[in-house]
């Protein structure tokens, strides 16, 4: 198995462990994992191709759907006032 997929599997396990923490303890490791998802997706893409990148992005979006939706609402509200 390529190193990129091993790291992606470890990322999923780490995200699952972080999800089991109390909410007040999830912020720092959760944000760290979200930031690390970008270079991990690039690494997977370089080794295996864009279809695997789509699988990685699907996993990231499914795990972080609520935080990313809240961020989108926040940014939409912030930029809606600027005309």
N, C-alpha and C. Protein backbone atom coordinates (compact mmCIF):
# COMPACT_ATOMS: atom_id res chain seq x y z
N UNK A 1 0.85 -1.17 0.00
CA UNK A 1 0.00 0.00 0.00
C UNK A 1 0.90 1.24 0.00
N UNK A 2 0.57 2.22 -0.83
CA UNK A 2 1.41 3.43 -0.89
C UNK A 2 1.38 4.20 0.43
N UNK A 3 2.47 4.91 0.67
CA UNK A 3 2.61 5.68 1.90
C UNK A 3 1.48 6.71 2.05
N UNK A 4 1.06 7.30 0.94
CA UNK A 4 0.01 8.32 1.02
C UNK A 4 -1.30 7.73 1.54
N UNK A 5 -1.64 6.52 1.13
CA UNK A 5 -2.88 5.91 1.64
C UNK A 5 -2.75 5.49 3.09
N UNK A 6 -1.58 5.07 3.50
CA UNK A 6 -1.35 4.75 4.91
C UNK A 6 -1.55 6.00 5.76
N UNK A 7 -0.96 7.11 5.30
CA UNK A 7 -1.13 8.37 6.04
C UNK A 7 -2.59 8.83 6.04
N UNK A 8 -3.29 8.62 4.93
CA UNK A 8 -4.71 8.98 4.87
C UNK A 8 -5.53 8.14 5.85
N UNK A 9 -5.21 6.87 5.96
CA UNK A 9 -5.91 6.01 6.92
C UNK A 9 -5.62 6.45 8.36
N UNK A 10 -4.38 6.80 8.63
CA UNK A 10 -4.03 7.30 9.96
C UNK A 10 -4.73 8.62 10.25
N UNK A 11 -4.89 9.47 9.22
CA UNK A 11 -5.61 10.73 9.38
C UNK A 11 -7.07 10.45 9.77
N UNK A 12 -7.69 9.48 9.12
CA UNK A 12 -9.08 9.12 9.44
C UNK A 12 -9.19 8.61 10.87
N UNK A 13 -8.25 7.78 11.29
CA UNK A 13 -8.28 7.28 12.67
C UNK A 13 -8.09 8.42 13.66
N UNK A 14 -7.17 9.32 13.36
CA UNK A 14 -6.95 10.47 14.25
C UNK A 14 -8.20 11.34 14.32
N UNK A 15 -8.87 11.55 13.19
CA UNK A 15 -10.09 12.36 13.18
C UNK A 15 -11.20 11.68 13.99
N UNK A 16 -11.28 10.37 13.92
CA UNK A 16 -12.28 9.65 14.71
C UNK A 16 -12.00 9.76 16.20
N UNK A 17 -10.73 9.71 16.56
CA UNK A 17 -10.36 9.85 17.97
C UNK A 17 -10.66 11.26 18.46
N UNK A 18 -10.35 12.26 17.65
CA UNK A 18 -10.63 13.64 18.04
C UNK A 18 -12.14 13.85 18.19
N UNK A 19 -12.93 13.20 17.34
CA UNK A 19 -14.38 13.35 17.42
C UNK A 19 -14.94 12.80 18.73
N UNK A 20 -14.23 11.88 19.36
CA UNK A 20 -14.70 11.32 20.63
C UNK A 20 -14.35 12.19 21.83
N UNK A 21 -13.51 13.19 21.63
CA UNK A 21 -13.15 14.09 22.73
C UNK A 21 -14.31 15.02 23.05
N UNK A 22 -14.32 15.56 24.26
CA UNK A 22 -15.32 16.59 24.56
C UNK A 22 -15.11 17.80 23.64
N UNK A 23 -16.21 18.52 23.36
CA UNK A 23 -16.16 19.60 22.39
C UNK A 23 -15.08 20.64 22.69
N UNK A 24 -14.88 20.97 23.94
CA UNK A 24 -13.89 22.00 24.28
C UNK A 24 -12.47 21.56 23.98
N UNK A 25 -12.24 20.26 23.86
CA UNK A 25 -10.91 19.74 23.56
C UNK A 25 -10.71 19.41 22.08
N UNK A 26 -11.74 19.61 21.26
CA UNK A 26 -11.66 19.24 19.85
C UNK A 26 -11.08 20.32 18.96
N UNK A 27 -11.07 21.56 19.40
CA UNK A 27 -10.75 22.67 18.51
C UNK A 27 -9.34 22.60 17.94
N UNK A 28 -8.34 22.51 18.78
CA UNK A 28 -6.95 22.54 18.30
C UNK A 28 -6.61 21.31 17.46
N UNK A 29 -6.86 20.08 17.94
CA UNK A 29 -6.51 18.94 17.09
C UNK A 29 -7.40 18.85 15.85
N UNK A 30 -8.65 19.28 15.96
CA UNK A 30 -9.52 19.25 14.79
C UNK A 30 -9.07 20.22 13.72
N UNK A 31 -8.68 21.42 14.12
CA UNK A 31 -8.18 22.40 13.16
C UNK A 31 -6.86 21.94 12.56
N UNK A 32 -6.02 21.33 13.37
CA UNK A 32 -4.75 20.80 12.87
C UNK A 32 -5.00 19.73 11.81
N UNK A 33 -5.93 18.83 12.07
CA UNK A 33 -6.25 17.79 11.10
C UNK A 33 -6.84 18.37 9.83
N UNK A 34 -7.67 19.39 9.96
CA UNK A 34 -8.26 20.03 8.79
C UNK A 34 -7.18 20.69 7.94
N UNK A 35 -6.22 21.34 8.57
CA UNK A 35 -5.12 21.96 7.82
C UNK A 35 -4.23 20.89 7.18
N UNK A 36 -3.99 19.80 7.87
CA UNK A 36 -3.15 18.73 7.32
C UNK A 36 -3.82 17.97 6.19
N UNK A 37 -5.14 18.10 6.07
CA UNK A 37 -5.86 17.39 5.02
C UNK A 37 -5.46 17.89 3.63
N UNK A 38 -5.12 19.16 3.51
CA UNK A 38 -4.77 19.72 2.20
C UNK A 38 -3.47 19.11 1.67
N UNK A 39 -2.36 19.17 2.42
CA UNK A 39 -1.14 18.54 1.87
C UNK A 39 -1.28 17.02 1.72
N UNK A 40 -2.09 16.41 2.57
CA UNK A 40 -2.31 14.97 2.43
C UNK A 40 -3.03 14.67 1.12
N UNK A 41 -4.03 15.48 0.77
CA UNK A 41 -4.73 15.27 -0.51
C UNK A 41 -3.80 15.49 -1.69
N UNK A 42 -2.92 16.46 -1.59
CA UNK A 42 -1.94 16.69 -2.66
C UNK A 42 -1.00 15.50 -2.77
N UNK A 43 -0.54 14.98 -1.65
CA UNK A 43 0.36 13.83 -1.65
C UNK A 43 -0.32 12.60 -2.25
N UNK A 44 -1.57 12.39 -1.89
CA UNK A 44 -2.33 11.27 -2.46
C UNK A 44 -2.47 11.47 -3.97
N UNK A 45 -2.75 12.70 -4.38
CA UNK A 45 -2.89 12.98 -5.81
C UNK A 45 -1.61 12.75 -6.58
N UNK A 46 -0.50 13.11 -6.01
CA UNK A 46 0.78 12.91 -6.69
C UNK A 46 1.11 11.43 -6.84
N UNK A 47 0.74 10.65 -5.84
CA UNK A 47 1.08 9.22 -5.90
C UNK A 47 0.06 8.39 -6.65
N UNK A 48 -1.24 8.75 -6.53
CA UNK A 48 -2.26 7.83 -7.03
C UNK A 48 -3.22 8.41 -8.06
N UNK A 49 -3.30 9.71 -8.19
CA UNK A 49 -4.19 10.29 -9.19
C UNK A 49 -5.39 11.00 -8.59
N UNK A 50 -6.13 11.69 -9.46
CA UNK A 50 -7.21 12.56 -9.01
C UNK A 50 -8.41 11.81 -8.45
N UNK A 51 -8.65 10.58 -8.85
CA UNK A 51 -9.81 9.84 -8.32
C UNK A 51 -9.62 9.59 -6.82
N UNK A 52 -8.41 9.29 -6.42
CA UNK A 52 -8.13 9.10 -5.00
C UNK A 52 -8.18 10.41 -4.24
N UNK A 53 -7.83 11.50 -4.90
CA UNK A 53 -7.97 12.82 -4.27
C UNK A 53 -9.44 13.08 -4.00
N UNK A 54 -10.30 12.72 -4.94
CA UNK A 54 -11.74 12.89 -4.74
C UNK A 54 -12.22 12.07 -3.54
N UNK A 55 -11.68 10.87 -3.38
CA UNK A 55 -12.06 10.04 -2.23
C UNK A 55 -11.59 10.68 -0.92
N UNK A 56 -10.39 11.23 -0.92
CA UNK A 56 -9.87 11.89 0.29
C UNK A 56 -10.70 13.13 0.61
N UNK A 57 -11.00 13.93 -0.41
CA UNK A 57 -11.81 15.13 -0.18
C UNK A 57 -13.22 14.79 0.28
N UNK A 58 -13.78 13.71 -0.25
CA UNK A 58 -15.09 13.26 0.22
C UNK A 58 -15.03 12.89 1.70
N UNK A 59 -13.98 12.21 2.11
CA UNK A 59 -13.83 11.83 3.52
C UNK A 59 -13.68 13.08 4.40
N UNK A 60 -12.89 14.04 3.95
CA UNK A 60 -12.68 15.27 4.73
C UNK A 60 -14.00 16.04 4.83
N UNK A 61 -14.69 16.18 3.71
CA UNK A 61 -15.95 16.93 3.73
C UNK A 61 -17.02 16.22 4.55
N UNK A 62 -17.03 14.91 4.55
CA UNK A 62 -18.04 14.20 5.34
C UNK A 62 -17.76 14.31 6.83
N UNK A 63 -16.48 14.35 7.22
CA UNK A 63 -16.14 14.46 8.63
C UNK A 63 -16.26 15.88 9.16
N UNK A 64 -16.02 16.85 8.28
CA UNK A 64 -16.02 18.25 8.70
C UNK A 64 -17.18 19.04 8.10
N UNK A 65 -18.29 18.38 7.79
CA UNK A 65 -19.39 19.06 7.11
C UNK A 65 -20.00 20.16 7.97
N UNK A 66 -20.18 19.94 9.24
CA UNK A 66 -20.79 20.99 10.08
C UNK A 66 -19.84 22.15 10.36
N UNK A 67 -18.59 21.91 10.72
CA UNK A 67 -17.68 23.05 10.90
C UNK A 67 -17.48 23.85 9.61
N UNK A 68 -17.40 23.17 8.47
CA UNK A 68 -17.21 23.88 7.22
C UNK A 68 -18.47 24.65 6.83
N UNK A 69 -19.65 24.11 7.12
CA UNK A 69 -20.89 24.83 6.85
C UNK A 69 -20.99 26.06 7.74
N UNK A 70 -20.59 25.94 9.00
CA UNK A 70 -20.61 27.10 9.90
C UNK A 70 -19.62 28.16 9.43
N UNK A 71 -18.46 27.74 8.96
CA UNK A 71 -17.48 28.69 8.43
C UNK A 71 -18.02 29.39 7.19
N UNK A 72 -18.69 28.65 6.32
CA UNK A 72 -19.27 29.25 5.12
C UNK A 72 -20.35 30.27 5.48
N UNK A 73 -21.20 29.94 6.47
CA UNK A 73 -22.23 30.89 6.91
C UNK A 73 -21.59 32.14 7.49
N UNK A 74 -20.55 31.96 8.28
CA UNK A 74 -19.85 33.10 8.89
C UNK A 74 -19.24 33.99 7.81
N UNK A 75 -18.56 33.39 6.86
CA UNK A 75 -17.93 34.18 5.80
C UNK A 75 -18.97 34.84 4.90
N UNK A 76 -20.06 34.15 4.61
CA UNK A 76 -21.12 34.73 3.79
C UNK A 76 -21.73 35.93 4.50
N UNK A 77 -21.96 35.81 5.81
CA UNK A 77 -22.51 36.92 6.57
C UNK A 77 -21.54 38.08 6.66
N UNK A 78 -20.28 37.78 6.75
CA UNK A 78 -19.26 38.82 6.87
C UNK A 78 -19.10 39.60 5.57
N UNK A 79 -19.13 38.89 4.45
CA UNK A 79 -18.93 39.53 3.15
C UNK A 79 -20.24 40.05 2.55
N UNK A 80 -21.38 39.65 3.09
CA UNK A 80 -22.66 40.14 2.58
C UNK A 80 -22.84 41.62 2.92
N UNK A 81 -22.27 42.06 4.02
CA UNK A 81 -22.38 43.46 4.43
C UNK A 81 -21.52 44.37 3.59
N UNK A 82 -20.49 43.82 2.93
CA UNK A 82 -19.61 44.65 2.09
C UNK A 82 -20.18 44.69 0.68
N UNK A 83 -20.49 45.89 0.20
CA UNK A 83 -21.00 46.01 -1.18
C UNK A 83 -20.14 46.93 -1.99
